[in-house]
Amino acid sequence: MFKVMVVEDEPPIMRMVKANIEAADPDFAVEKCCINGQSAIEVLEKEDFDVVVTDIKMPIVTGIELAGWIYENKPETKVIILSGYSDFEYARKALEYKVFDYLLKPVSRDKVREVTDRIKIEMSKKEISEADNDERSTAVILACAGAYLLYGSEVMLPGENFWTDERMENFMDRTLDKSEGYIFFNSNVPSERYVVVESDSTERQEEIVARLYETFRNRELPVTIIYMKGIRLKDAGKCLARLREQLIKSLILDKSQLICCGESPEPYENIEQPYSKRDIEALTTTIKNGDMNEVRTQFSNILDVMKNSGYTQEDVNGFLNVVLDTYVLNYPKSIQRKNTSVKHEFVNALASFTSYAGFLDDIVSILMTLRRDTKNPDRYVQLADDIEEYLVKNYNKEVTSEVLSREFGFVPSYISRIFKRQKGVSPNEYMTRHRIELAKKIITENPNMKIKEVANMVGFKESYYFSKTFKRETGIWPTEFNKEKV
């Protein structure tokens, strides 16, 4: 019998996790539940557990801090991170503390059973020393669907729904044998995924990565996979930042690539600059004159050269920044935008890339906002108001950037840009806040209504995601909302 502790700060989820574990495998008994990492440590100081299943974001002591304490004080205990959150720092720390698995909520009973089966196999290998475990070899992978995003997501990224847990798990189940394992994480950006695959040889690791690439590259978006092989498991977390740097240097718009980090030359090496100082001066002059068609022609000519010569997304972004900086230098009294704001819009437009035609439209629309425009200064206000009205009327429906684009006739990042400029938040952020305010009203008026029903009424498909969003926006769980008001 395996002795299990569950650490979760929301009681309904704690009960659900406990039930799933015990239903998945009768050999696993949840003998203790704790509300945060501090209370878990106090229990662990007095008794041993075979497995600790813990949420990440908790008050007082977080799940990652708890995993660190277990790593130092109870190294035989298997730690499973169970969370609705996943980003680079969590991934790095989880690997550093040799977390056994990292599961994203909501987790199915079948997935729990897979983990318990792996724990049984692992615990039976008593002859393997801890030193040998530290030397286990892995391939560390960063996979990106579509373009990358440097900053926090303000737009609905084309690759946001590409890396589903089910799709990744099905691939691993088909590809890995029983002696091999894997763990995967979301990146800070939803269109990316970190994957660590454990296998004995670098040749086998390369084979797995190649199959991963072939499986996903022919789908609806170009996929860039950057990887490192032969990495010790305990060092895997340290590789993620380097992979991210390589991705930024290597990603080419509208092209799938498989790259072994450190083995490929710089992608822009020995490529001539696709534009001259005269080209930049001519383009900025045309922007100042307000000739949109000529701006489109000049920008398109340079973009065609960059596209055909294999320039990276980073190179295209650099070119756009040169245009902006030159315009500011040449026409300081004509500029009506802050540099940082415009550069952020360039990044969002690149991240929203689905075709060169659409990207061209998006960038031209940004460039034409640099000059002072006295023709119709209220048109942006009207557009933002119309979008706001649409969001309020359709709060209980699935409203994506593509839906807004079709409704209002502009590219998605343009809509997001104009709306945020006028309202202070992106359409996604506005919709979330509006839904949470409606949910607060519903909970107040219907205190006995189930949280799942409230979530469905305000447009959330999953009650768990609704609960996490509610807490992020209000600081408390929806189950605690009426209690806080008493």
Protein backbone atom coordinates (compact mmCIF):
# COMPACT_ATOMS: atom_id res chain seq x y z
CA MET A 1 0.00 0.00 0.00
CA PHE A 2 1.30 3.44 -0.96
CA LYS A 3 0.74 6.23 1.55
CA VAL A 4 -0.34 9.50 -0.10
CA MET A 5 -0.66 13.12 1.04
CA VAL A 6 -2.72 15.69 -0.91
CA VAL A 7 -1.92 19.39 -0.50
CA GLU A 8 -4.52 21.76 -2.00
CA ASP A 9 -5.86 25.11 -0.76
CA GLU A 10 -9.36 24.77 -2.24
CA PRO A 11 -11.41 22.09 -0.39
CA PRO A 12 -13.65 21.05 -3.34
CA ILE A 13 -10.63 20.39 -5.52
CA MET A 14 -8.87 18.62 -2.64
CA ARG A 15 -11.80 16.22 -2.32
CA MET A 16 -11.87 15.63 -6.08
CA VAL A 17 -8.14 14.84 -6.20
CA LYS A 18 -8.43 12.46 -3.24
CA ALA A 19 -11.35 10.63 -4.86
CA ASN A 20 -9.57 10.32 -8.22
CA ILE A 21 -6.41 8.90 -6.67
CA GLU A 22 -8.21 6.25 -4.62
CA ALA A 23 -10.54 5.33 -7.48
CA ALA A 24 -7.65 5.07 -9.95
CA ASP A 25 -5.64 2.54 -7.93
CA PRO A 26 -6.66 0.77 -4.70
CA ASP A 27 -2.98 0.43 -3.76
CA PHE A 28 -2.81 4.20 -3.17
CA ALA A 29 -4.45 5.50 0.02
CA VAL A 30 -4.77 9.22 0.75
CA GLU A 31 -4.07 9.31 4.49
CA LYS A 32 -3.61 13.06 4.93
CA CYS A 33 -4.90 16.26 3.31
CA CYS A 34 -3.32 19.66 4.02
CA ILE A 35 -4.52 23.14 3.12
CA ASN A 36 -1.07 24.61 2.34
CA GLY A 37 2.62 23.78 2.11
CA GLN A 38 3.44 24.87 5.66
CA SER A 39 0.98 22.46 7.27
CA ALA A 40 2.25 19.72 4.94
CA ILE A 41 5.83 20.27 6.12
CA GLU A 42 4.72 20.09 9.74
CA VAL A 43 3.16 16.68 9.08
CA LEU A 44 6.12 15.44 7.00
CA GLU A 45 8.50 16.29 9.83
CA LYS A 46 6.72 13.70 11.97
CA GLU A 47 5.85 10.92 9.49
CA ASP A 48 6.76 9.58 6.07
CA PHE A 49 4.67 9.41 2.91
CA ASP A 50 5.40 7.59 -0.33
CA VAL A 51 3.72 10.21 -2.51
CA VAL A 52 2.84 13.90 -2.10
CA VAL A 53 0.40 15.44 -4.60
CA THR A 54 0.47 19.22 -4.31
CA ASP A 55 -0.97 22.29 -5.97
CA ILE A 56 1.53 25.00 -6.94
CA LYS A 57 0.02 28.35 -5.94
CA MET A 58 -0.92 28.26 -2.26
CA PRO A 59 -0.66 30.73 0.62
CA ILE A 60 2.24 30.68 3.13
CA VAL A 61 4.31 27.95 1.42
CA THR A 62 3.84 27.20 -2.29
CA GLY A 63 3.89 23.78 -3.91
CA ILE A 64 7.30 24.45 -5.47
CA GLU A 65 8.70 25.48 -2.07
CA LEU A 66 7.22 22.31 -0.59
CA ALA A 67 8.85 20.25 -3.37
CA GLY A 68 12.17 21.91 -2.54
CA TRP A 69 11.80 21.02 1.15
CA ILE A 70 10.97 17.40 0.26
CA TYR A 71 13.95 17.24 -2.10
CA GLU A 72 16.26 18.29 0.76
CA ASN A 73 14.64 16.38 3.62
CA LYS A 74 12.59 13.46 2.22
CA PRO A 75 14.29 12.52 -1.08
CA GLU A 76 12.58 9.12 -1.28
CA THR A 77 9.14 10.75 -1.45
CA LYS A 78 7.65 11.07 -4.93
CA VAL A 79 6.25 14.57 -5.59
CA ILE A 80 3.52 15.17 -8.16
CA ILE A 81 2.72 18.78 -9.01
CA LEU A 82 -0.97 19.26 -9.76
CA SER A 83 -1.84 22.70 -11.05
CA GLY A 84 -3.75 24.90 -13.44
CA TYR A 85 -0.61 27.01 -13.81
CA SER A 86 2.52 26.25 -15.79
CA ASP A 87 5.39 28.46 -16.83
CA PHE A 88 9.15 28.51 -17.26
CA GLU A 89 10.06 29.08 -13.62
CA TYR A 90 7.78 26.29 -12.40
CA ALA A 91 9.24 23.95 -15.02
CA ARG A 92 12.82 24.80 -14.10
CA LYS A 93 12.24 24.40 -10.38
CA ALA A 94 10.20 21.22 -10.78
CA LEU A 95 13.05 19.60 -12.71
CA GLU A 96 15.65 20.93 -10.27
CA TYR A 97 13.78 19.30 -7.38
CA LYS A 98 13.27 16.08 -9.38
CA VAL A 99 9.48 16.27 -9.25
CA PHE A 100 8.12 12.91 -10.43
CA ASP A 101 5.36 14.37 -12.61
CA TYR A 102 3.68 17.69 -13.39
CA LEU A 103 -0.02 17.43 -14.24
CA LEU A 104 -2.23 20.24 -15.45
CA LYS A 105 -5.74 20.46 -14.03
CA PRO A 106 -8.32 19.17 -14.55
CA VAL A 107 -6.72 15.71 -14.56
CA SER A 108 -8.66 12.62 -15.63
CA ARG A 109 -8.81 9.43 -13.60
CA ASP A 110 -7.03 7.62 -16.46
CA LYS A 111 -4.12 10.06 -16.26
CA VAL A 112 -3.88 9.51 -12.50
CA ARG A 113 -3.77 5.76 -13.11
CA GLU A 114 -0.90 6.20 -15.59
CA VAL A 115 1.08 8.06 -12.95
CA THR A 116 0.38 5.50 -10.21
CA ASP A 117 1.52 2.71 -12.57
CA ARG A 118 4.77 4.57 -13.21
CA ILE A 119 5.29 5.09 -9.48
CA LYS A 120 4.94 1.35 -8.89
CA ILE A 121 7.55 0.59 -11.54
CA GLU A 122 9.88 3.26 -10.17
CA MET A 123 9.53 2.16 -6.56
CA SER A 124 10.29 -1.44 -7.54
CA LYS A 125 13.70 -0.51 -8.91
CA LYS A 126 15.40 -0.50 -5.54
CA GLU A 127 18.67 -1.71 -7.00
CA ILE A 128 19.16 1.58 -8.85
CA SER A 129 21.10 4.02 -6.71
CA GLU A 130 20.18 7.66 -6.30
CA ALA A 131 23.45 8.61 -7.99
CA ASP A 132 22.44 6.62 -11.07
CA ASN A 133 19.07 8.39 -11.11
CA ASP A 134 20.83 11.76 -11.19
CA GLU A 135 22.74 10.65 -14.28
CA ARG A 136 19.67 9.68 -16.29
CA SER A 137 19.92 11.10 -19.80
CA THR A 138 17.21 13.25 -21.35
CA ALA A 139 16.32 15.29 -24.39
CA VAL A 140 15.04 18.76 -23.49
CA ILE A 141 12.66 20.22 -26.07
CA LEU A 142 11.01 23.59 -26.73
CA ALA A 143 8.24 23.37 -29.33
CA CYS A 144 6.51 26.46 -30.75
CA ALA A 145 3.38 26.46 -32.92
CA GLY A 146 3.37 29.46 -35.24
CA ALA A 147 5.26 32.61 -34.31
CA TYR A 148 6.58 33.45 -30.84
CA LEU A 149 5.50 36.22 -28.47
CA LEU A 150 8.07 38.14 -26.44
CA TYR A 151 5.66 39.65 -23.94
CA GLY A 152 2.52 38.54 -22.14
CA SER A 153 -0.27 37.53 -24.48
CA GLU A 154 -2.70 40.32 -25.34
CA VAL A 155 -3.99 38.65 -28.49
CA MET A 156 -5.51 35.25 -29.18
CA LEU A 157 -2.44 33.48 -30.56
CA PRO A 158 -2.98 31.23 -33.60
CA GLY A 159 -1.17 28.37 -31.85
CA GLU A 160 -2.92 28.78 -28.52
CA ASN A 161 -4.92 25.55 -28.80
CA PHE A 162 -2.31 23.57 -30.71
CA TRP A 163 -0.53 21.73 -27.88
CA THR A 164 -3.36 19.93 -26.14
CA ASP A 165 -2.46 17.56 -23.31
CA GLU A 166 -4.36 14.77 -25.02
CA ARG A 167 -2.48 15.17 -28.30
CA MET A 168 0.90 15.15 -26.55
CA GLU A 169 0.01 12.22 -24.30
CA ASN A 170 -1.23 10.15 -27.24
CA PHE A 171 2.01 10.74 -29.09
CA MET A 172 4.14 9.74 -26.10
CA ASP A 173 2.04 6.63 -25.44
CA ARG A 174 2.58 5.49 -29.05
CA THR A 175 6.27 6.35 -29.17
CA LEU A 176 7.93 5.59 -25.82
CA ASP A 177 8.60 2.17 -24.38
CA LYS A 178 8.11 1.23 -20.72
CA SER A 179 11.68 2.13 -19.74
CA GLU A 180 11.30 5.69 -21.06
CA GLY A 181 9.46 8.59 -19.51
CA TYR A 182 8.49 12.17 -20.18
CA ILE A 183 7.22 15.31 -18.49
CA PHE A 184 5.83 18.36 -20.26
CA PHE A 185 4.98 21.93 -19.30
CA ASN A 186 3.20 24.88 -20.81
CA SER A 187 5.42 27.86 -21.49
CA ASN A 188 4.55 31.40 -20.40
CA VAL A 189 3.09 31.61 -23.90
CA PRO A 190 0.24 29.18 -24.69
CA SER A 191 1.52 28.44 -28.21
CA GLU A 192 4.69 26.84 -26.79
CA ARG A 193 5.41 23.67 -24.85
CA TYR A 194 8.47 22.45 -22.90
CA VAL A 195 9.06 18.68 -23.03
CA VAL A 196 11.65 16.54 -21.25
CA VAL A 197 12.02 12.97 -22.56
CA GLU A 198 14.07 10.42 -20.63
CA SER A 199 15.82 7.73 -22.70
CA ASP A 200 19.09 5.81 -22.46
CA SER A 201 20.91 7.01 -25.58
CA THR A 202 21.22 10.24 -27.52
CA GLU A 203 20.46 8.29 -30.71
CA ARG A 204 17.11 7.21 -29.29
CA GLN A 205 16.45 10.74 -28.05
CA GLU A 206 17.05 12.10 -31.55
CA GLU A 207 14.66 9.49 -32.96
CA ILE A 208 11.90 10.52 -30.51
CA VAL A 209 12.38 14.22 -31.27
CA ALA A 210 12.33 13.56 -35.02
CA ARG A 211 9.06 11.61 -34.67
CA LEU A 212 7.59 14.44 -32.60
CA TYR A 213 8.50 16.90 -35.34
CA GLU A 214 7.13 14.74 -38.16
CA THR A 215 3.89 14.13 -36.24
CA PHE A 216 3.12 17.80 -35.61
CA ARG A 217 4.72 19.76 -38.46
CA ASN A 218 2.14 18.82 -41.08
CA ARG A 219 -0.78 20.17 -39.11
CA GLU A 220 -2.46 23.56 -39.43
CA LEU A 221 0.48 25.71 -38.30
CA PRO A 222 4.23 25.69 -38.92
CA VAL A 223 6.08 24.21 -35.94
CA THR A 224 9.57 25.05 -34.71
CA ILE A 225 11.24 22.49 -32.42
CA ILE A 226 14.51 23.35 -30.66
CA TYR A 227 16.13 20.63 -28.56
CA MET A 228 19.21 19.57 -26.62
CA LYS A 229 20.19 15.91 -26.21
CA GLY A 230 22.22 13.96 -23.66
CA ILE A 231 21.26 16.25 -20.77
CA ARG A 232 21.31 14.87 -17.23
CA LEU A 233 17.84 14.93 -15.70
CA LYS A 234 18.92 17.15 -12.81
CA ASP A 235 20.31 19.70 -15.32
CA ALA A 236 17.28 19.71 -17.64
CA GLY A 237 15.72 22.81 -16.08
CA LYS A 238 18.85 24.84 -16.74
CA CYS A 239 18.50 24.31 -20.50
CA LEU A 240 15.14 26.00 -20.95
CA ALA A 241 16.42 29.59 -21.10
CA ARG A 242 19.01 28.63 -23.70
CA LEU A 243 16.36 26.92 -25.82
CA ARG A 244 14.22 30.05 -25.66
CA GLU A 245 17.15 32.19 -26.81
CA GLN A 246 17.77 29.80 -29.71
CA LEU A 247 14.09 29.89 -30.66
CA ILE A 248 14.12 33.69 -30.86
CA LYS A 249 17.23 33.64 -33.05
CA SER A 250 16.04 30.86 -35.34
CA LEU A 251 12.27 31.05 -35.87
CA ILE A 252 11.30 31.88 -39.45
CA LEU A 253 7.75 32.99 -40.14
CA ASP A 254 5.61 30.45 -42.00
CA LYS A 255 8.29 27.72 -41.92
CA SER A 256 8.57 24.52 -39.85
CA GLN A 257 12.06 23.72 -38.49
CA LEU A 258 13.78 21.05 -36.38
CA ILE A 259 16.94 22.40 -34.77
CA CYS A 260 19.43 20.81 -32.40
CA CYS A 261 20.53 23.64 -30.12
CA GLY A 262 24.20 24.51 -30.56
CA GLU A 263 24.70 22.44 -33.72
CA SER A 264 23.26 24.88 -36.28
CA PRO A 265 24.98 28.06 -37.51
CA GLU A 266 23.34 31.40 -36.92
CA PRO A 267 20.43 31.46 -39.41
CA TYR A 268 21.22 34.99 -40.60
CA GLU A 269 24.95 34.36 -41.05
CA ASN A 270 26.34 35.63 -44.38
CA ILE A 271 22.96 36.98 -45.52
CA GLU A 272 23.10 40.48 -47.00
CA GLN A 273 20.95 43.22 -45.47
CA PRO A 274 17.66 43.29 -47.42
CA TYR A 275 17.20 47.06 -47.22
CA SER A 276 19.34 50.16 -47.52
CA LYS A 277 19.32 53.46 -45.66
CA ARG A 278 17.69 54.96 -48.76
CA ASP A 279 14.86 52.38 -48.52
CA ILE A 280 14.21 53.33 -44.89
CA GLU A 281 14.27 57.05 -45.64
CA ALA A 282 11.85 56.60 -48.54
CA LEU A 283 9.46 54.51 -46.44
CA THR A 284 9.38 56.99 -43.55
CA THR A 285 8.80 59.88 -45.97
CA THR A 286 5.85 58.02 -47.50
CA ILE A 287 4.40 57.39 -44.03
CA LYS A 288 4.72 61.10 -43.27
CA ASN A 289 2.91 61.95 -46.52
CA GLY A 290 0.05 59.62 -45.60
CA ASP A 291 0.14 57.57 -48.82
CA MET A 292 -1.08 54.18 -47.56
CA ASN A 293 -0.90 52.41 -50.94
CA GLU A 294 2.71 53.45 -51.47
CA VAL A 295 3.61 52.45 -47.88
CA ARG A 296 2.14 49.03 -48.61
CA THR A 297 4.14 48.72 -51.85
CA GLN A 298 7.47 49.78 -50.30
CA PHE A 299 7.05 47.62 -47.21
CA SER A 300 5.90 44.65 -49.31
CA ASN A 301 9.01 44.86 -51.51
CA ILE A 302 11.35 44.67 -48.51
CA LEU A 303 9.27 41.98 -46.80
CA ASP A 304 9.37 39.83 -49.97
CA VAL A 305 13.17 39.93 -49.95
CA MET A 306 13.30 38.97 -46.27
CA LYS A 307 10.79 36.14 -46.78
CA ASN A 308 12.62 34.68 -49.79
CA SER A 309 16.03 34.92 -48.08
CA GLY A 310 15.01 33.11 -44.89
CA TYR A 311 15.20 36.02 -42.49
CA THR A 312 13.99 35.27 -38.98
CA GLN A 313 11.09 36.73 -37.08
CA GLU A 314 13.64 38.59 -34.96
CA ASP A 315 15.12 40.15 -38.13
CA VAL A 316 11.69 41.34 -39.29
CA ASN A 317 11.02 42.85 -35.88
CA GLY A 318 14.42 44.59 -36.01
CA PHE A 319 13.58 46.08 -39.40
CA LEU A 320 10.28 47.45 -38.09
CA ASN A 321 12.05 49.05 -35.15
CA VAL A 322 14.56 50.71 -37.51
CA VAL A 323 11.65 52.19 -39.48
CA LEU A 324 10.04 53.49 -36.29
CA ASP A 325 13.25 54.95 -34.86
CA THR A 326 14.06 56.64 -38.18
CA TYR A 327 10.59 58.18 -38.38
CA VAL A 328 10.89 59.54 -34.83
CA LEU A 329 14.31 60.98 -35.61
CA ASN A 330 13.26 62.59 -38.90
CA TYR A 331 9.79 63.81 -37.89
CA PRO A 332 9.76 64.37 -34.10
CA LYS A 333 6.91 66.90 -34.29
CA SER A 334 4.77 64.62 -36.44
CA ILE A 335 4.86 61.51 -34.23
CA GLN A 336 1.76 60.92 -32.10
CA ARG A 337 2.67 57.57 -30.53
CA LYS A 338 5.10 56.41 -27.84
CA ASN A 339 7.94 54.26 -29.17
CA THR A 340 7.43 51.50 -26.60
CA SER A 341 3.73 51.25 -27.41
CA VAL A 342 4.34 50.91 -31.14
CA LYS A 343 7.13 48.36 -30.68
CA HIS A 344 4.82 46.29 -28.49
CA GLU A 345 2.26 46.38 -31.30
CA PHE A 346 4.90 45.12 -33.76
CA VAL A 347 5.54 42.17 -31.44
CA ASN A 348 1.81 41.39 -31.17
CA ALA A 349 1.37 41.61 -34.95
CA LEU A 350 4.24 39.17 -35.48
CA ALA A 351 2.86 36.80 -32.85
CA SER A 352 -0.54 36.87 -34.60
CA PHE A 353 1.03 35.94 -37.94
CA THR A 354 -0.93 33.44 -40.06
CA SER A 355 -0.04 34.70 -43.57
CA TYR A 356 2.21 37.33 -45.13
CA ALA A 357 -0.81 39.05 -46.67
CA GLY A 358 -2.51 39.47 -43.31
CA PHE A 359 0.75 40.52 -41.65
CA LEU A 360 1.29 43.15 -44.35
CA ASP A 361 -2.18 44.61 -43.69
CA ASP A 362 -1.53 44.64 -39.95
CA ILE A 363 1.86 46.38 -40.13
CA VAL A 364 0.67 48.98 -42.64
CA SER A 365 -2.19 49.84 -40.29
CA ILE A 366 0.31 50.33 -37.45
CA LEU A 367 2.72 52.42 -39.52
CA MET A 368 -0.08 54.71 -40.67
CA THR A 369 -0.90 55.57 -37.03
CA LEU A 370 2.55 57.14 -36.52
CA ARG A 371 1.64 60.45 -38.18
CA ARG A 372 -0.78 62.89 -36.65
CA ASP A 373 -4.25 62.28 -38.07
CA THR A 374 -6.79 65.12 -37.98
CA LYS A 375 -9.27 63.68 -40.48
CA ASN A 376 -11.45 61.69 -38.07
CA PRO A 377 -9.97 61.46 -34.56
CA ASP A 378 -13.15 59.90 -33.14
CA ARG A 379 -13.23 56.78 -35.33
CA TYR A 380 -11.06 54.78 -32.89
CA VAL A 381 -13.36 55.70 -30.02
CA GLN A 382 -16.40 54.55 -31.98
CA LEU A 383 -14.75 51.25 -32.96
CA ALA A 384 -13.77 50.52 -29.35
CA ASP A 385 -17.29 51.35 -28.16
CA ASP A 386 -18.79 49.02 -30.77
CA ILE A 387 -16.47 46.20 -29.72
CA GLU A 388 -17.33 46.78 -26.07
CA GLU A 389 -21.06 46.60 -26.85
CA TYR A 390 -20.53 43.35 -28.75
CA LEU A 391 -18.57 41.80 -25.86
CA VAL A 392 -21.24 42.76 -23.32
CA LYS A 393 -24.02 41.26 -25.47
CA ASN A 394 -22.11 38.02 -26.16
CA TYR A 395 -20.44 37.37 -22.80
CA ASN A 396 -21.89 33.84 -22.60
CA LYS A 397 -20.58 32.80 -26.02
CA GLU A 398 -17.12 31.82 -27.23
CA VAL A 399 -15.69 35.11 -28.50
CA THR A 400 -12.23 34.77 -30.03
CA SER A 401 -10.02 37.24 -31.89
CA GLU A 402 -11.10 35.60 -35.13
CA VAL A 403 -14.78 36.16 -34.26
CA LEU A 404 -14.12 39.86 -33.60
CA SER A 405 -12.14 40.09 -36.82
CA ARG A 406 -15.03 38.74 -38.87
CA GLU A 407 -17.55 40.94 -37.04
CA PHE A 408 -15.68 44.24 -37.45
CA GLY A 409 -13.60 43.67 -40.59
CA PHE A 410 -10.10 44.26 -39.15
CA VAL A 411 -7.17 41.95 -38.45
CA PRO A 412 -7.22 40.57 -34.85
CA SER A 413 -4.19 42.42 -33.49
CA TYR A 414 -5.53 45.73 -34.88
CA ILE A 415 -8.79 45.23 -32.97
CA SER A 416 -6.89 44.37 -29.79
CA ARG A 417 -4.61 47.37 -30.24
CA ILE A 418 -7.38 49.92 -30.80
CA PHE A 419 -9.53 48.53 -28.00
CA LYS A 420 -6.70 48.58 -25.47
CA ARG A 421 -5.70 52.09 -26.47
CA GLN A 422 -9.22 53.34 -25.76
CA LYS A 423 -10.32 51.09 -22.88
CA GLY A 424 -7.03 50.34 -21.13
CA VAL A 425 -7.38 46.54 -21.41
CA SER A 426 -7.45 44.02 -24.25
CA PRO A 427 -10.77 42.52 -25.40
CA ASN A 428 -9.84 39.25 -23.67
CA GLU A 429 -9.16 41.03 -20.39
CA TYR A 430 -12.36 43.06 -20.67
CA MET A 431 -14.47 39.96 -21.34
CA THR A 432 -12.92 38.14 -18.37
CA ARG A 433 -13.60 41.00 -15.96
CA HIS A 434 -17.14 41.43 -17.23
CA ARG A 435 -17.86 37.73 -16.78
CA ILE A 436 -16.47 37.72 -13.24
CA GLU A 437 -18.61 40.75 -12.27
CA LEU A 438 -21.70 38.96 -13.59
CA ALA A 439 -20.69 35.81 -11.71
CA LYS A 440 -20.40 37.77 -8.46
CA LYS A 441 -23.93 39.06 -8.97
CA ILE A 442 -25.29 35.59 -9.73
CA ILE A 443 -23.61 34.05 -6.67
CA THR A 444 -24.97 36.83 -4.46
CA GLU A 445 -28.52 36.38 -5.73
CA ASN A 446 -28.34 32.55 -5.85
CA PRO A 447 -26.13 31.42 -2.94
CA ASN A 448 -27.09 27.74 -3.34
CA MET A 449 -26.35 27.54 -7.07
CA LYS A 450 -23.56 25.14 -8.02
CA ILE A 451 -20.32 26.73 -9.20
CA LYS A 452 -20.46 24.69 -12.42
CA GLU A 453 -23.83 26.24 -13.24
CA VAL A 454 -22.54 29.75 -12.53
CA ALA A 455 -19.53 29.10 -14.77
CA ASN A 456 -21.73 27.96 -17.65
CA MET A 457 -24.03 30.98 -17.28
CA VAL A 458 -21.16 33.45 -17.72
CA GLY A 459 -19.44 31.66 -20.61
CA PHE A 460 -16.84 29.39 -18.99
CA LYS A 461 -16.75 25.83 -20.32
CA GLU A 462 -14.84 24.42 -17.32
CA SER A 463 -15.73 25.12 -13.70
CA TYR A 464 -12.14 24.66 -12.58
CA TYR A 465 -10.83 27.31 -14.96
CA PHE A 466 -13.67 29.58 -13.84
CA SER A 467 -12.71 29.10 -10.17
CA LYS A 468 -9.05 29.90 -10.85
CA THR A 469 -9.97 32.97 -12.90
CA PHE A 470 -12.39 34.14 -10.22
CA LYS A 471 -9.70 33.88 -7.56
CA ARG A 472 -7.14 35.66 -9.75
CA GLU A 473 -9.53 38.55 -10.33
CA THR A 474 -11.03 38.82 -6.82
CA GLY A 475 -8.46 37.22 -4.50
CA ILE A 476 -10.90 34.58 -3.22
CA TRP A 477 -12.53 31.40 -4.50
CA PRO A 478 -16.15 31.62 -5.71
CA THR A 479 -17.16 29.21 -2.93
CA GLU A 480 -15.88 31.78 -0.41
CA PHE A 481 -17.43 34.86 -2.02
CA ASN A 482 -20.65 35.11 0.02
CA LYS A 483 -18.82 34.19 3.21
CA GLU A 484 -16.45 37.14 2.75
CA LYS A 485 -19.40 39.52 2.54
CA VAL A 486 -20.93 38.42 5.87
